[in-house]
Amino acid sequence: MVGPQVKRQAVDVLKEERGFGITRACGLVGISRSLYGYRSRRTACTGLRDRICELAGEKRRYGYRRIHILLRREGWQVNRKRTYRLYREAGLAVRRRKRKRIGLFERKPLPKPSAVNRSWSMDFVADGLIDGRKLRCLVIVDDYSRECLVLEVDTSITGRRVAAVLDRLGDLRGLPLSITVDHGPEFEGQVLDAWAYERGVRLNFIRPGKPVENAYVESFNGRFRDECLNEHWFVTVRATHLAPE
């Protein structure tokens, strides 16, 4: 499809080389005289475009929507449409990573959370340090708000450590009615079972091999791995836990 700028250039060629009038030249090209005479009044936006490129370089897994939020936080008076236009004009796009194909399975609808702090989801994410040591991250997410409540990071996390993290979190905001988990040994062990019984928290175990039934925390894990773990090399574990911003 030929753009307006190319059609204006064609009208100029007909005027200069063939001596046609504006009306006749526009008619042959297929544009109106008003469109031929239109000139954009948009500002150059050079500084904004440069800042978008800088942010895209710093946050390689951020699309234009999240870059737009960062721009607004910095004080840029720009709407999302302009951010998108400049983002595309700069040739920026988040590279899609290929997902592993999985077979067909019976879908089980997730229970919809009704309020904040009513149900949580919990899971582990594995990675490694630069020296080859294993790194484990305990992730706890509120199902309703999708907020990551805690990221507990260490080379090894036992069931007793999981219970201690939950107690610490309970002191800060109270405990939920239920926590959805998989069948990992830290979650199936006697320590967490006793902890849940004493505090009146129900542990909802998903079916074996069905991580989609723990979709709230799995969704966060995917973004966490994509935007953080896959983008950095870790030299050491500096603290026992990382608090989300």
Protein backbone atom coordinates (compact mmCIF):
# COMPACT_ATOMS: atom_id res chain seq x y z
CA MET A 1 0.00 0.00 0.00
CA VAL A 2 1.42 3.37 -1.07
CA GLY A 3 1.64 5.98 1.66
CA PRO A 4 0.58 9.67 1.45
CA GLN A 5 4.20 10.88 1.31
CA VAL A 6 4.92 8.77 -1.80
CA LYS A 7 1.75 10.07 -3.47
CA ARG A 8 2.76 13.67 -2.77
CA GLN A 9 6.13 12.99 -4.39
CA ALA A 10 4.31 11.55 -7.43
CA VAL A 11 2.24 14.74 -7.72
CA ASP A 12 5.44 16.80 -7.59
CA VAL A 13 6.92 14.73 -10.41
CA LEU A 14 3.82 15.24 -12.60
CA LYS A 15 3.90 18.97 -11.94
CA GLU A 16 7.61 19.45 -12.63
CA GLU A 17 8.23 17.01 -15.47
CA ARG A 18 4.84 16.99 -17.25
CA GLY A 19 3.62 20.47 -16.42
CA PHE A 20 0.30 19.26 -14.98
CA GLY A 21 -1.74 21.46 -12.68
CA ILE A 22 -2.27 20.48 -9.06
CA THR A 23 -5.88 19.40 -9.57
CA ARG A 24 -5.09 17.16 -12.55
CA ALA A 25 -1.98 15.67 -10.94
CA CYS A 26 -3.81 14.88 -7.71
CA GLY A 27 -6.65 13.29 -9.65
CA LEU A 28 -4.25 11.00 -11.55
CA VAL A 29 -2.44 9.98 -8.40
CA GLY A 30 -5.67 9.52 -6.45
CA ILE A 31 -5.38 12.02 -3.60
CA SER A 32 -7.21 15.21 -2.75
CA ARG A 33 -5.65 18.68 -2.95
CA SER A 34 -6.10 19.07 0.80
CA LEU A 35 -4.12 15.91 1.47
CA TYR A 36 -1.39 17.06 -0.94
CA GLY A 37 -1.12 20.38 0.88
CA TYR A 38 -1.17 18.86 4.37
CA ARG A 39 2.03 19.13 6.40
CA SER A 40 2.46 17.39 9.74
CA ARG A 41 2.79 19.64 12.78
CA ARG A 42 4.14 16.93 15.04
CA THR A 43 7.18 17.80 17.10
CA ALA A 44 10.37 15.86 16.48
CA CYS A 45 10.19 14.09 19.91
CA THR A 46 13.92 13.39 19.64
CA GLY A 47 14.50 13.38 23.40
CA LEU A 48 11.50 11.17 24.05
CA ARG A 49 12.51 8.74 21.32
CA ASP A 50 16.04 8.54 22.72
CA ARG A 51 14.70 7.87 26.21
CA ILE A 52 12.43 5.09 24.93
CA CYS A 53 15.44 3.46 23.27
CA GLU A 54 17.45 3.79 26.49
CA LEU A 55 14.70 2.18 28.56
CA ALA A 56 14.26 -0.60 26.00
CA GLY A 57 17.99 -1.29 26.23
CA GLU A 58 17.90 -1.41 30.03
CA LYS A 59 14.69 -3.46 30.20
CA ARG A 60 14.97 -5.75 27.21
CA ARG A 61 11.86 -7.77 28.08
CA TYR A 62 9.60 -4.71 28.50
CA GLY A 63 7.10 -3.89 25.76
CA TYR A 64 5.81 -0.43 24.95
CA ARG A 65 3.08 -0.57 27.63
CA ARG A 66 5.51 -1.06 30.50
CA ILE A 67 7.97 1.43 29.01
CA HIS A 68 5.09 3.92 28.87
CA ILE A 69 4.55 3.43 32.61
CA LEU A 70 8.23 4.13 33.27
CA LEU A 71 8.07 7.28 31.14
CA ARG A 72 5.06 8.57 33.06
CA ARG A 73 6.84 7.89 36.35
CA GLU A 74 9.77 10.00 35.11
CA GLY A 75 7.42 12.90 34.37
CA TRP A 76 7.06 12.62 30.58
CA GLN A 77 3.71 14.04 29.43
CA VAL A 78 2.99 11.51 26.73
CA ASN A 79 0.00 9.32 25.92
CA ARG A 80 0.26 5.62 25.16
CA LYS A 81 -0.44 6.05 21.43
CA ARG A 82 2.59 8.28 20.97
CA THR A 83 4.75 5.90 23.01
CA TYR A 84 3.63 3.06 20.77
CA ARG A 85 4.32 5.05 17.57
CA LEU A 86 7.82 6.05 18.63
CA TYR A 87 8.51 2.54 19.92
CA ARG A 88 7.59 1.01 16.55
CA GLU A 89 9.37 3.71 14.53
CA ALA A 90 12.56 2.91 16.45
CA GLY A 91 12.22 -0.72 15.35
CA LEU A 92 11.77 -1.96 18.91
CA ALA A 93 9.90 -5.14 19.75
CA VAL A 94 10.13 -7.78 22.46
CA ARG A 95 11.51 -10.95 20.96
CA ARG A 96 9.12 -13.82 21.52
CA ARG A 97 10.70 -16.90 22.98
CA LYS A 98 9.46 -20.23 21.69
CA ARG A 99 7.33 -22.13 24.15
CA LYS A 100 7.50 -25.86 24.56
CA ARG A 101 4.54 -27.61 22.99
CA ILE A 102 2.50 -29.66 25.42
CA GLY A 103 -0.09 -32.30 24.71
CA LEU A 104 -3.81 -32.00 25.18
CA PHE A 105 -5.08 -32.31 28.73
CA GLU A 106 -8.29 -31.95 30.62
CA ARG A 107 -8.75 -28.36 31.69
CA LYS A 108 -9.93 -27.74 35.22
CA PRO A 109 -11.34 -24.23 35.79
CA LEU A 110 -9.48 -22.27 38.44
CA PRO A 111 -11.47 -21.04 41.43
CA LYS A 112 -11.82 -17.27 41.20
CA PRO A 113 -10.42 -15.48 44.27
CA SER A 114 -12.92 -13.14 45.90
CA ALA A 115 -10.68 -10.79 47.89
CA VAL A 116 -7.11 -9.94 48.81
CA ASN A 117 -5.42 -12.27 51.32
CA ARG A 118 -8.05 -15.00 50.96
CA SER A 119 -5.94 -17.43 48.88
CA TRP A 120 -2.25 -17.60 47.98
CA SER A 121 -0.22 -19.70 45.57
CA MET A 122 3.27 -21.00 46.29
CA ASP A 123 5.97 -22.57 44.14
CA PHE A 124 9.74 -22.87 43.61
CA VAL A 125 11.81 -21.51 40.74
CA ALA A 126 15.28 -23.00 40.13
CA ASP A 127 18.33 -21.24 38.70
CA GLY A 128 22.08 -21.26 39.26
CA LEU A 129 24.97 -19.09 40.40
CA ILE A 130 27.92 -18.32 38.14
CA ASP A 131 30.04 -20.92 39.96
CA GLY A 132 27.56 -23.70 39.18
CA ARG A 133 25.82 -23.87 42.55
CA LYS A 134 22.06 -24.30 42.48
CA LEU A 135 19.80 -21.41 43.37
CA ARG A 136 16.23 -21.83 44.62
CA CYS A 137 13.56 -19.14 44.86
CA LEU A 138 10.41 -19.62 46.94
CA VAL A 139 7.64 -17.55 45.35
CA ILE A 140 4.38 -16.68 47.11
CA VAL A 141 1.66 -14.80 45.20
CA ASP A 142 -1.72 -13.42 46.28
CA ASP A 143 -4.25 -14.95 43.87
CA TYR A 144 -6.57 -11.92 43.86
CA SER A 145 -4.15 -9.00 43.51
CA ARG A 146 -1.43 -11.03 41.66
CA GLU A 147 1.05 -9.37 44.05
CA CYS A 148 4.26 -11.24 44.77
CA LEU A 149 4.31 -11.29 48.55
CA VAL A 150 7.82 -12.66 49.00
CA LEU A 151 10.80 -14.07 47.10
CA GLU A 152 12.88 -16.21 49.42
CA VAL A 153 16.22 -17.04 47.81
CA ASP A 154 18.90 -19.48 48.89
CA THR A 155 20.88 -22.45 47.66
CA SER A 156 18.59 -24.75 49.65
CA ILE A 157 15.15 -24.18 51.22
CA THR A 158 13.62 -26.83 53.47
CA GLY A 159 10.05 -27.33 54.60
CA ARG A 160 10.93 -25.78 57.97
CA ARG A 161 12.24 -22.70 56.15
CA VAL A 162 9.01 -22.49 54.16
CA ALA A 163 6.99 -22.53 57.38
CA ALA A 164 9.19 -19.79 58.87
CA VAL A 165 8.67 -17.60 55.80
CA LEU A 166 4.90 -18.07 56.04
CA ASP A 167 4.94 -17.16 59.73
CA ARG A 168 6.91 -14.02 58.96
CA LEU A 169 4.47 -13.13 56.23
CA GLY A 170 1.52 -13.85 58.52
CA ASP A 171 2.86 -11.40 61.10
CA LEU A 172 2.95 -8.69 58.44
CA ARG A 173 -0.45 -9.15 56.79
CA GLY A 174 -2.22 -12.17 58.26
CA LEU A 175 -2.60 -15.65 56.79
CA PRO A 176 -4.99 -16.72 54.02
CA LEU A 177 -7.69 -19.36 54.15
CA SER A 178 -5.88 -21.55 51.62
CA ILE A 179 -2.55 -21.92 49.81
CA THR A 180 -2.25 -23.72 46.47
CA VAL A 181 0.91 -25.81 46.07
CA ASP A 182 2.30 -28.66 43.99
CA HIS A 183 3.59 -32.00 45.26
CA GLY A 184 7.15 -30.90 46.02
CA PRO A 185 8.79 -32.55 49.05
CA GLU A 186 8.92 -29.23 50.94
CA PHE A 187 5.14 -28.86 50.61
CA GLU A 188 4.15 -32.50 51.18
CA GLY A 189 6.37 -32.96 54.24
CA GLN A 190 5.19 -33.28 57.81
CA VAL A 191 6.54 -29.85 58.81
CA LEU A 192 4.27 -27.84 56.51
CA ASP A 193 1.34 -30.17 57.12
CA ALA A 194 1.59 -29.59 60.87
CA TRP A 195 2.05 -25.86 60.36
CA ALA A 196 -1.11 -25.63 58.22
CA TYR A 197 -3.15 -27.68 60.71
CA GLU A 198 -2.09 -25.56 63.70
CA ARG A 199 -2.91 -22.27 61.93
CA GLY A 200 -6.10 -23.35 60.21
CA VAL A 201 -4.77 -22.90 56.67
CA ARG A 202 -5.89 -25.37 53.98
CA LEU A 203 -3.22 -26.64 51.59
CA ASN A 204 -4.70 -27.16 48.12
CA PHE A 205 -2.55 -29.65 46.21
CA ILE A 206 -2.82 -29.58 42.43
CA ARG A 207 -3.03 -32.82 40.47
CA PRO A 208 0.38 -34.32 39.66
CA GLY A 209 1.75 -33.08 36.36
CA LYS A 210 -0.85 -30.28 36.06
CA PRO A 211 1.03 -27.00 36.75
CA VAL A 212 -1.75 -25.10 34.95
CA GLU A 213 -3.86 -25.65 38.06
CA ASN A 214 -1.38 -23.40 39.90
CA ALA A 215 -1.60 -20.80 37.14
CA TYR A 216 -1.44 -17.66 39.29
CA VAL A 217 2.05 -18.33 40.59
CA GLU A 218 3.14 -20.02 37.33
CA SER A 219 2.27 -16.82 35.46
CA PHE A 220 4.47 -14.80 37.79
CA ASN A 221 7.25 -17.40 37.54
CA GLY A 222 7.26 -17.05 33.74
CA ARG A 223 7.72 -13.28 33.90
CA PHE A 224 10.26 -13.59 36.73
CA ARG A 225 12.39 -15.98 34.68
CA ASP A 226 11.95 -14.03 31.44
CA GLU A 227 12.73 -10.57 32.83
CA CYS A 228 15.15 -11.35 35.65
CA LEU A 229 16.70 -14.82 35.81
CA ASN A 230 17.35 -15.16 32.06
CA GLU A 231 18.74 -11.62 31.85
CA HIS A 232 21.34 -11.75 34.64
CA TRP A 233 24.21 -13.79 35.98
CA PHE A 234 24.28 -14.16 39.75
CA VAL A 235 27.61 -14.27 41.57
CA THR A 236 26.42 -14.89 45.12
CA VAL A 237 23.37 -14.90 47.39
CA ARG A 238 23.65 -11.64 49.33
CA ALA A 239 20.57 -12.03 51.53
CA THR A 240 18.25 -14.73 52.75
CA HIS A 241 15.27 -13.14 51.05
CA LEU A 242 14.35 -10.47 48.51
CA ALA A 243 11.41 -8.20 49.26
CA PRO A 244 9.42 -7.08 46.17
CA GLU A 245 9.29 -3.35 45.43
